[in-house]
């Protein structure tokens, strides 16, 4: 356990950050899964809709500092490539 005032504050901050990061990580996985499930079901409409949500959310995560810009772009790009494999 922390013995100094500053160490106690750092411990509180770590708990807050962990909670926030858990939310973003889970959201990220669920959004990605929605696209992959839609592609697996061969549903282009749902896949495009989910991809739109992914793009918006991932780039908002960049603004919040959870993801780096290149990481978000790479992940969205790979998902877009996957969606584009579906026939119209």
PDB file of N, CA and C in Angstrom:
ATOM      1  N   UNK A   1       0.845  -1.186   0.000  1.00  0.00           N
ATOM      2  CA  UNK A   1       0.000   0.000   0.000  1.00  0.00           C
ATOM      3  C   UNK A   1       0.883   1.238   0.000  1.00  0.00           C
ATOM      4  N   UNK A   2       0.377   2.305  -0.570  1.00  0.00           N
ATOM      5  CA  UNK A   2       1.142   3.546  -0.686  1.00  0.00           C
ATOM      6  C   UNK A   2       1.307   4.220   0.677  1.00  0.00           C
ATOM      7  N   UNK A   3       2.483   4.770   0.895  1.00  0.00           N
ATOM      8  CA  UNK A   3       2.773   5.411   2.172  1.00  0.00           C
ATOM      9  C   UNK A   3       2.818   6.934   2.069  1.00  0.00           C
ATOM     10  N   UNK A   4       3.018   7.462   0.874  1.00  0.00           N
ATOM     11  CA  UNK A   4       3.112   8.908   0.700  1.00  0.00           C
ATOM     12  C   UNK A   4       1.850   9.425   0.032  1.00  0.00           C
ATOM     13  N   UNK A   5       1.590  10.689   0.266  1.00  0.00           N
ATOM     14  CA  UNK A   5       0.395  11.308  -0.304  1.00  0.00           C
ATOM     15  C   UNK A   5       0.414  11.209  -1.833  1.00  0.00           C
ATOM     16  N   UNK A   6       1.576  11.456  -2.425  1.00  0.00           N
ATOM     17  CA  UNK A   6       1.685  11.418  -3.885  1.00  0.00           C
ATOM     18  C   UNK A   6       1.504   9.991  -4.406  1.00  0.00           C
ATOM     19  N   UNK A   7       2.000   9.015  -3.655  1.00  0.00           N
ATOM     20  CA  UNK A   7       1.850   7.616  -4.066  1.00  0.00           C
ATOM     21  C   UNK A   7       0.386   7.179  -3.978  1.00  0.00           C
ATOM     22  N   UNK A   8      -0.312   7.686  -2.975  1.00  0.00           N
ATOM     23  CA  UNK A   8      -1.739   7.369  -2.843  1.00  0.00           C
ATOM     24  C   UNK A   8      -2.517   7.951  -4.019  1.00  0.00           C
ATOM     25  N   UNK A   9      -2.145   9.156  -4.417  1.00  0.00           N
ATOM     26  CA  UNK A   9      -2.810   9.792  -5.558  1.00  0.00           C
ATOM     27  C   UNK A   9      -2.542   8.985  -6.831  1.00  0.00           C
ATOM     28  N   UNK A  10      -1.304   8.550  -7.021  1.00  0.00           N
ATOM     29  CA  UNK A  10      -0.965   7.760  -8.203  1.00  0.00           C
ATOM     30  C   UNK A  10      -1.767   6.458  -8.221  1.00  0.00           C
ATOM     31  N   UNK A  11      -1.954   5.867  -7.052  1.00  0.00           N
ATOM     32  CA  UNK A  11      -2.730   4.629  -6.969  1.00  0.00           C
ATOM     33  C   UNK A  11      -4.181   4.890  -7.380  1.00  0.00           C
ATOM     34  N   UNK A  12      -4.743   5.999  -6.925  1.00  0.00           N
ATOM     35  CA  UNK A  12      -6.118   6.356  -7.308  1.00  0.00           C
ATOM     36  C   UNK A  12      -6.210   6.603  -8.807  1.00  0.00           C
ATOM     37  N   UNK A  13      -5.228   7.300  -9.350  1.00  0.00           N
ATOM     38  CA  UNK A  13      -5.220   7.605 -10.785  1.00  0.00           C
ATOM     39  C   UNK A  13      -5.112   6.323 -11.618  1.00  0.00           C
ATOM     40  N   UNK A  14      -4.304   5.389 -11.151  1.00  0.00           N
ATOM     41  CA  UNK A  14      -4.128   4.128 -11.860  1.00  0.00           C
ATOM     42  C   UNK A  14      -5.442   3.357 -11.913  1.00  0.00           C
ATOM     43  N   UNK A  15      -6.167   3.353 -10.808  1.00  0.00           N
ATOM     44  CA  UNK A  15      -7.463   2.657 -10.768  1.00  0.00           C
ATOM     45  C   UNK A  15      -8.429   3.289 -11.767  1.00  0.00           C
ATOM     46  N   UNK A  16      -8.480   4.619 -11.790  1.00  0.00           N
ATOM     47  CA  UNK A  16      -9.360   5.333 -12.724  1.00  0.00           C
ATOM     48  C   UNK A  16      -8.989   5.013 -14.166  1.00  0.00           C
ATOM     49  N   UNK A  17      -7.691   5.095 -14.465  1.00  0.00           N
ATOM     50  CA  UNK A  17      -7.222   4.850 -15.836  1.00  0.00           C
ATOM     51  C   UNK A  17      -7.509   3.427 -16.272  1.00  0.00           C
ATOM     52  N   UNK A  18      -7.297   2.476 -15.369  1.00  0.00           N
ATOM     53  CA  UNK A  18      -7.543   1.068 -15.683  1.00  0.00           C
ATOM     54  C   UNK A  18      -9.002   0.861 -16.040  1.00  0.00           C
ATOM     55  N   UNK A  19      -9.879   1.473 -15.263  1.00  0.00           N
ATOM     56  CA  UNK A  19     -11.319   1.366 -15.515  1.00  0.00           C
ATOM     57  C   UNK A  19     -11.680   1.951 -16.881  1.00  0.00           C
ATOM     58  N   UNK A  20     -11.142   3.127 -17.166  1.00  0.00           N
ATOM     59  CA  UNK A  20     -11.422   3.800 -18.442  1.00  0.00           C
ATOM     60  C   UNK A  20     -10.879   2.984 -19.609  1.00  0.00           C
ATOM     61  N   UNK A  21      -9.654   2.487 -19.481  1.00  0.00           N
ATOM     62  CA  UNK A  21      -9.045   1.705 -20.556  1.00  0.00           C
ATOM     63  C   UNK A  21      -9.791   0.403 -20.786  1.00  0.00           C
ATOM     64  N   UNK A  22     -10.306  -0.197 -19.734  1.00  0.00           N
ATOM     65  CA  UNK A  22     -11.080  -1.436 -19.873  1.00  0.00           C
ATOM     66  C   UNK A  22     -12.316  -1.175 -20.727  1.00  0.00           C
ATOM     67  N   UNK A  23     -12.983  -0.037 -20.470  1.00  0.00           N
ATOM     68  CA  UNK A  23     -14.157   0.336 -21.261  1.00  0.00           C
ATOM     69  C   UNK A  23     -13.789   0.464 -22.735  1.00  0.00           C
ATOM     70  N   UNK A  24     -12.705   1.185 -23.029  1.00  0.00           N
ATOM     71  CA  UNK A  24     -12.308   1.396 -24.425  1.00  0.00           C
ATOM     72  C   UNK A  24     -11.876   0.095 -25.100  1.00  0.00           C
ATOM     73  N   UNK A  25     -11.132  -0.728 -24.383  1.00  0.00           N
ATOM     74  CA  UNK A  25     -10.686  -2.011 -24.950  1.00  0.00           C
ATOM     75  C   UNK A  25     -11.868  -2.892 -25.303  1.00  0.00           C
ATOM     76  N   UNK A  26     -12.832  -2.966 -24.397  1.00  0.00           N
ATOM     77  CA  UNK A  26     -14.018  -3.788 -24.627  1.00  0.00           C
ATOM     78  C   UNK A  26     -14.813  -3.233 -25.800  1.00  0.00           C
ATOM     79  N   UNK A  27     -14.999  -1.927 -25.838  1.00  0.00           N
ATOM     80  CA  UNK A  27     -15.741  -1.287 -26.928  1.00  0.00           C
ATOM     81  C   UNK A  27     -15.061  -1.568 -28.267  1.00  0.00           C
ATOM     82  N   UNK A  28     -13.750  -1.466 -28.274  1.00  0.00           N
ATOM     83  CA  UNK A  28     -12.965  -1.708 -29.480  1.00  0.00           C
ATOM     84  C   UNK A  28     -13.174  -3.135 -29.988  1.00  0.00           C
ATOM     85  N   UNK A  29     -13.106  -4.096 -29.084  1.00  0.00           N
ATOM     86  CA  UNK A  29     -13.292  -5.505 -29.455  1.00  0.00           C
ATOM     87  C   UNK A  29     -14.709  -5.754 -29.978  1.00  0.00           C
ATOM     88  N   UNK A  30     -15.715  -5.179 -29.306  1.00  0.00           N
ATOM     89  CA  UNK A  30     -17.098  -5.397 -29.711  1.00  0.00           C
ATOM     90  C   UNK A  30     -17.392  -4.792 -31.075  1.00  0.00           C
ATOM     91  N   UNK A  31     -16.842  -3.610 -31.342  1.00  0.00           N
ATOM     92  CA  UNK A  31     -17.050  -2.972 -32.639  1.00  0.00           C
ATOM     93  C   UNK A  31     -16.411  -3.805 -33.752  1.00  0.00           C
ATOM     94  N   UNK A  32     -15.201  -4.268 -33.498  1.00  0.00           N
ATOM     95  CA  UNK A  32     -14.496  -5.089 -34.480  1.00  0.00           C
ATOM     96  C   UNK A  32     -15.245  -6.391 -34.720  1.00  0.00           C
ATOM     97  N   UNK A  33     -15.726  -6.985 -33.647  1.00  0.00           N
ATOM     98  CA  UNK A  33     -16.452  -8.254 -33.751  1.00  0.00           C
ATOM     99  C   UNK A  33     -17.729  -8.083 -34.579  1.00  0.00           C
ATOM    100  N   UNK A  34     -18.411  -6.942 -34.423  1.00  0.00           N
ATOM    101  CA  UNK A  34     -19.641  -6.699 -35.174  1.00  0.00           C
ATOM    102  C   UNK A  34     -19.375  -6.727 -36.673  1.00  0.00           C
ATOM    103  N   UNK A  35     -18.257  -6.146 -37.096  1.00  0.00           N
ATOM    104  CA  UNK A  35     -17.903  -6.153 -38.518  1.00  0.00           C
ATOM    105  C   UNK A  35     -17.598  -7.574 -38.965  1.00  0.00           C
ATOM    106  N   UNK A  36     -16.801  -8.283 -38.183  1.00  0.00           N
ATOM    107  CA  UNK A  36     -16.406  -9.647 -38.559  1.00  0.00           C
ATOM    108  C   UNK A  36     -17.606 -10.600 -38.611  1.00  0.00           C
ATOM    109  N   UNK A  37     -18.536 -10.445 -37.689  1.00  0.00           N
ATOM    110  CA  UNK A  37     -19.738 -11.288 -37.682  1.00  0.00           C
ATOM    111  C   UNK A  37     -20.590 -10.998 -38.913  1.00  0.00           C
ATOM    112  N   UNK A  38     -20.735  -9.719 -39.248  1.00  0.00           N
ATOM    113  CA  UNK A  38     -21.519  -9.345 -40.430  1.00  0.00           C
ATOM    114  C   UNK A  38     -20.888  -9.913 -41.694  1.00  0.00           C
ATOM    115  N   UNK A  39     -19.569  -9.881 -41.764  1.00  0.00           N
ATOM    116  CA  UNK A  39     -18.868 -10.445 -42.926  1.00  0.00           C
ATOM    117  C   UNK A  39     -19.046 -11.961 -42.955  1.00  0.00           C
ATOM    118  N   UNK A  40     -18.958 -12.595 -41.803  1.00  0.00           N
ATOM    119  CA  UNK A  40     -19.130 -14.053 -41.728  1.00  0.00           C
ATOM    120  C   UNK A  40     -20.541 -14.458 -42.162  1.00  0.00           C
ATOM    121  N   UNK A  41     -21.538 -13.601 -41.853  1.00  0.00           N
ATOM    122  CA  UNK A  41     -22.919 -13.876 -42.248  1.00  0.00           C
ATOM    123  C   UNK A  41     -23.216 -13.422 -43.676  1.00  0.00           C
ATOM    124  N   UNK A  42     -22.179 -12.877 -44.335  1.00  0.00           N
ATOM    125  CA  UNK A  42     -22.299 -12.427 -45.728  1.00  0.00           C
ATOM    126  C   UNK A  42     -23.342 -11.311 -45.871  1.00  0.00           C
ATOM    127  N   UNK A  43     -23.435 -10.453 -44.866  1.00  0.00           N
ATOM    128  CA  UNK A  43     -24.404  -9.352 -44.849  1.00  0.00           C
ATOM    129  C   UNK A  43     -23.671  -8.031 -45.088  1.00  0.00           C
ATOM    130  N   UNK A  44     -23.619  -7.608 -46.346  1.00  0.00           N
ATOM    131  CA  UNK A  44     -22.848  -6.423 -46.705  1.00  0.00           C
ATOM    132  C   UNK A  44     -23.416  -5.151 -46.077  1.00  0.00           C
ATOM    133  N   UNK A  45     -24.735  -5.035 -46.017  1.00  0.00           N
ATOM    134  CA  UNK A  45     -25.367  -3.842 -45.422  1.00  0.00           C
ATOM    135  C   UNK A  45     -24.934  -3.666 -43.966  1.00  0.00           C
ATOM    136  N   UNK A  46     -25.068  -4.739 -43.198  1.00  0.00           N
ATOM    137  CA  UNK A  46     -24.701  -4.689 -41.776  1.00  0.00           C
ATOM    138  C   UNK A  46     -23.203  -4.441 -41.614  1.00  0.00           C
ATOM    139  N   UNK A  47     -22.411  -5.057 -42.490  1.00  0.00           N
ATOM    140  CA  UNK A  47     -20.960  -4.890 -42.419  1.00  0.00           C
ATOM    141  C   UNK A  47     -20.571  -3.437 -42.674  1.00  0.00           C
ATOM    142  N   UNK A  48     -21.183  -2.818 -43.678  1.00  0.00           N
ATOM    143  CA  UNK A  48     -20.881  -1.417 -43.984  1.00  0.00           C
ATOM    144  C   UNK A  48     -21.321  -0.495 -42.852  1.00  0.00           C
ATOM    145  N   UNK A  49     -22.461  -0.788 -42.278  1.00  0.00           N
ATOM    146  CA  UNK A  49     -22.956   0.008 -41.153  1.00  0.00           C
ATOM    147  C   UNK A  49     -22.014  -0.118 -39.947  1.00  0.00           C
ATOM    148  N   UNK A  50     -21.605  -1.349 -39.660  1.00  0.00           N
ATOM    149  CA  UNK A  50     -20.690  -1.590 -38.538  1.00  0.00           C
ATOM    150  C   UNK A  50     -19.334  -0.946 -38.805  1.00  0.00           C
ATOM    151  N   UNK A  51     -18.888  -0.992 -40.056  1.00  0.00           N
ATOM    152  CA  UNK A  51     -17.600  -0.385 -40.422  1.00  0.00           C
ATOM    153  C   UNK A  51     -17.634   1.129 -40.209  1.00  0.00           C
ATOM    154  N   UNK A  52     -18.772   1.725 -40.511  1.00  0.00           N
ATOM    155  CA  UNK A  52     -18.936   3.167 -40.309  1.00  0.00           C
ATOM    156  C   UNK A  52     -18.809   3.504 -38.820  1.00  0.00           C
ATOM    157  N   UNK A  53     -19.438   2.682 -37.973  1.00  0.00           N
ATOM    158  CA  UNK A  53     -19.336   2.878 -36.517  1.00  0.00           C
ATOM    159  C   UNK A  53     -17.894   2.709 -36.044  1.00  0.00           C
ATOM    160  N   UNK A  54     -17.224   1.696 -36.591  1.00  0.00           N
ATOM    161  CA  UNK A  54     -15.825   1.429 -36.217  1.00  0.00           C
ATOM    162  C   UNK A  54     -14.965   2.638 -36.544  1.00  0.00           C
ATOM    163  N   UNK A  55     -15.104   3.138 -37.762  1.00  0.00           N
ATOM    164  CA  UNK A  55     -14.285   4.271 -38.202  1.00  0.00           C
ATOM    165  C   UNK A  55     -14.480   5.478 -37.289  1.00  0.00           C
ATOM    166  N   UNK A  56     -15.726   5.788 -37.007  1.00  0.00           N
ATOM    167  CA  UNK A  56     -16.042   6.939 -36.151  1.00  0.00           C
ATOM    168  C   UNK A  56     -15.478   6.744 -34.741  1.00  0.00           C
ATOM    169  N   UNK A  57     -15.734   5.579 -34.167  1.00  0.00           N
ATOM    170  CA  UNK A  57     -15.309   5.317 -32.786  1.00  0.00           C
ATOM    171  C   UNK A  57     -13.797   5.257 -32.652  1.00  0.00           C
ATOM    172  N   UNK A  58     -13.133   4.545 -33.571  1.00  0.00           N
ATOM    173  CA  UNK A  58     -11.685   4.406 -33.474  1.00  0.00           C
ATOM    174  C   UNK A  58     -11.003   5.768 -33.543  1.00  0.00           C
ATOM    175  N   UNK A  59     -11.494   6.638 -34.425  1.00  0.00           N
ATOM    176  CA  UNK A  59     -10.854   7.941 -34.526  1.00  0.00           C
ATOM    177  C   UNK A  59     -11.217   8.855 -33.354  1.00  0.00           C
ATOM    178  N   UNK A  60     -12.340   8.600 -32.715  1.00  0.00           N
ATOM    179  CA  UNK A  60     -12.619   9.358 -31.494  1.00  0.00           C
ATOM    180  C   UNK A  60     -11.717   8.862 -30.367  1.00  0.00           C
ATOM    181  N   UNK A  61     -11.373   7.569 -30.392  1.00  0.00           N
ATOM    182  CA  UNK A  61     -10.437   7.030 -29.400  1.00  0.00           C
ATOM    183  C   UNK A  61      -9.056   7.655 -29.595  1.00  0.00           C
ATOM    184  N   UNK A  62      -8.721   7.975 -30.837  1.00  0.00           N
ATOM    185  CA  UNK A  62      -7.450   8.648 -31.113  1.00  0.00           C
ATOM    186  C   UNK A  62      -7.456  10.021 -30.441  1.00  0.00           C
ATOM    187  N   UNK A  63      -8.565  10.741 -30.581  1.00  0.00           N
ATOM    188  CA  UNK A  63      -8.656  12.070 -29.974  1.00  0.00           C
ATOM    189  C   UNK A  63      -8.584  12.013 -28.458  1.00  0.00           C
ATOM    190  N   UNK A  64      -9.066  10.932 -27.881  1.00  0.00           N
ATOM    191  CA  UNK A  64      -9.029  10.771 -26.427  1.00  0.00           C
ATOM    192  C   UNK A  64      -7.666  10.276 -25.945  1.00  0.00           C
ATOM    193  N   UNK A  65      -6.812   9.859 -26.889  1.00  0.00           N
ATOM    194  CA  UNK A  65      -5.468   9.410 -26.533  1.00  0.00           C
ATOM    195  C   UNK A  65      -5.393   7.933 -26.210  1.00  0.00           C
ATOM    196  N   UNK A  66      -6.441   7.177 -26.495  1.00  0.00           N
ATOM    197  CA  UNK A  66      -6.415   5.749 -26.201  1.00  0.00           C
ATOM    198  C   UNK A  66      -5.675   4.975 -27.284  1.00  0.00           C
ATOM    199  N   UNK A  67      -5.832   5.387 -28.530  1.00  0.00           N
ATOM    200  CA  UNK A  67      -5.159   4.747 -29.659  1.00  0.00           C
ATOM    201  C   UNK A  67      -4.279   5.764 -30.368  1.00  0.00           C
ATOM    202  N   UNK A  68      -3.236   5.256 -31.034  1.00  0.00           N
ATOM    203  CA  UNK A  68      -2.455   6.125 -31.903  1.00  0.00           C
ATOM    204  C   UNK A  68      -3.148   6.196 -33.253  1.00  0.00           C
ATOM    205  N   UNK A  69      -2.918   7.286 -33.956  1.00  0.00           N
ATOM    206  CA  UNK A  69      -3.594   7.518 -35.230  1.00  0.00           C
ATOM    207  C   UNK A  69      -3.300   6.402 -36.228  1.00  0.00           C
ATOM    208  N   UNK A  70      -2.051   5.981 -36.315  1.00  0.00           N
ATOM    209  CA  UNK A  70      -1.660   4.952 -37.272  1.00  0.00           C
ATOM    210  C   UNK A  70      -2.319   3.615 -36.940  1.00  0.00           C
ATOM    211  N   UNK A  71      -2.431   3.313 -35.655  1.00  0.00           N
ATOM    212  CA  UNK A  71      -3.055   2.063 -35.225  1.00  0.00           C
ATOM    213  C   UNK A  71      -4.520   2.040 -35.622  1.00  0.00           C
ATOM    214  N   UNK A  72      -5.212   3.130 -35.366  1.00  0.00           N
ATOM    215  CA  UNK A  72      -6.633   3.218 -35.719  1.00  0.00           C
ATOM    216  C   UNK A  72      -6.810   3.087 -37.226  1.00  0.00           C
ATOM    217  N   UNK A  73      -5.988   3.788 -37.984  1.00  0.00           N
ATOM    218  CA  UNK A  73      -6.084   3.741 -39.441  1.00  0.00           C
ATOM    219  C   UNK A  73      -5.815   2.340 -39.969  1.00  0.00           C
ATOM    220  N   UNK A  74      -4.811   1.686 -39.408  1.00  0.00           N
ATOM    221  CA  UNK A  74      -4.458   0.330 -39.848  1.00  0.00           C
ATOM    222  C   UNK A  74      -5.604  -0.638 -39.578  1.00  0.00           C
ATOM    223  N   UNK A  75      -6.179  -0.560 -38.401  1.00  0.00           N
ATOM    224  CA  UNK A  75      -7.265  -1.482 -38.053  1.00  0.00           C
ATOM    225  C   UNK A  75      -8.505  -1.239 -38.903  1.00  0.00           C
ATOM    226  N   UNK A  76      -8.847   0.023 -39.104  1.00  0.00           N
ATOM    227  CA  UNK A  76     -10.014   0.354 -39.933  1.00  0.00           C
ATOM    228  C   UNK A  76      -9.764  -0.103 -41.363  1.00  0.00           C
ATOM    229  N   UNK A  77      -8.549   0.104 -41.836  1.00  0.00           N
ATOM    230  CA  UNK A  77      -8.199  -0.292 -43.198  1.00  0.00           C
ATOM    231  C   UNK A  77      -8.336  -1.794 -43.391  1.00  0.00           C
ATOM    232  N   UNK A  78      -7.870  -2.560 -42.443  1.00  0.00           N
ATOM    233  CA  UNK A  78      -7.958  -4.023 -42.544  1.00  0.00           C
ATOM    234  C   UNK A  78      -9.404  -4.498 -42.518  1.00  0.00           C
ATOM    235  N   UNK A  79     -10.215  -3.846 -41.699  1.00  0.00           N
ATOM    236  CA  UNK A  79     -11.628  -4.211 -41.653  1.00  0.00           C
ATOM    237  C   UNK A  79     -12.330  -3.822 -42.958  1.00  0.00           C
ATOM    238  N   UNK A  80     -11.964  -2.669 -43.511  1.00  0.00           N
ATOM    239  CA  UNK A  80     -12.559  -2.218 -44.781  1.00  0.00           C
ATOM    240  C   UNK A  80     -12.200  -3.196 -45.889  1.00  0.00           C
ATOM    241  N   UNK A  81     -10.964  -3.673 -45.871  1.00  0.00           N
ATOM    242  CA  UNK A  81     -10.513  -4.642 -46.857  1.00  0.00           C
ATOM    243  C   UNK A  81     -11.330  -5.918 -46.745  1.00  0.00           C
ATOM    244  N   UNK A  82     -11.615  -6.313 -45.520  1.00  0.00           N
ATOM    245  CA  UNK A  82     -12.417  -7.513 -45.262  1.00  0.00           C
ATOM    246  C   UNK A  82     -13.848  -7.330 -45.778  1.00  0.00           C
ATOM    247  N   UNK A  83     -14.417  -6.165 -45.524  1.00  0.00           N
ATOM    248  CA  UNK A  83     -15.793  -5.886 -45.973  1.00  0.00           C
ATOM    249  C   UNK A  83     -15.841  -5.874 -47.504  1.00  0.00           C
ATOM    250  N   UNK A  84     -14.788  -5.351 -48.128  1.00  0.00           N
ATOM    251  CA  UNK A  84     -14.769  -5.254 -49.594  1.00  0.00           C
ATOM    252  C   UNK A  84     -14.655  -6.625 -50.278  1.00  0.00           C
ATOM    253  N   UNK A  85     -14.343  -7.659 -49.513  1.00  0.00           N
ATOM    254  CA  UNK A  85     -14.281  -8.988 -50.112  1.00  0.00           C
ATOM    255  C   UNK A  85     -15.684  -9.531 -50.376  1.00  0.00           C
ATOM    256  N   UNK A  86     -16.686  -8.932 -49.713  1.00  0.00           N
ATOM    257  CA  UNK A  86     -18.069  -9.396 -49.905  1.00  0.00           C
ATOM    258  C   UNK A  86     -18.578  -8.986 -51.287  1.00  0.00           C
ATOM    259  N   UNK A  87     -19.329  -9.876 -51.889  1.00  0.00           N
ATOM    260  CA  UNK A  87     -19.951  -9.563 -53.180  1.00  0.00           C
ATOM    261  C   UNK A  87     -21.179  -8.679 -52.930  1.00  0.00           C
ATOM    262  N   UNK A  88     -21.473  -7.829 -53.884  1.00  0.00           N
ATOM    263  CA  UNK A  88     -22.623  -6.929 -53.743  1.00  0.00           C
ATOM    264  C   UNK A  88     -23.883  -7.671 -53.828  1.00  0.00           C
TER     265      UNK A  88
END
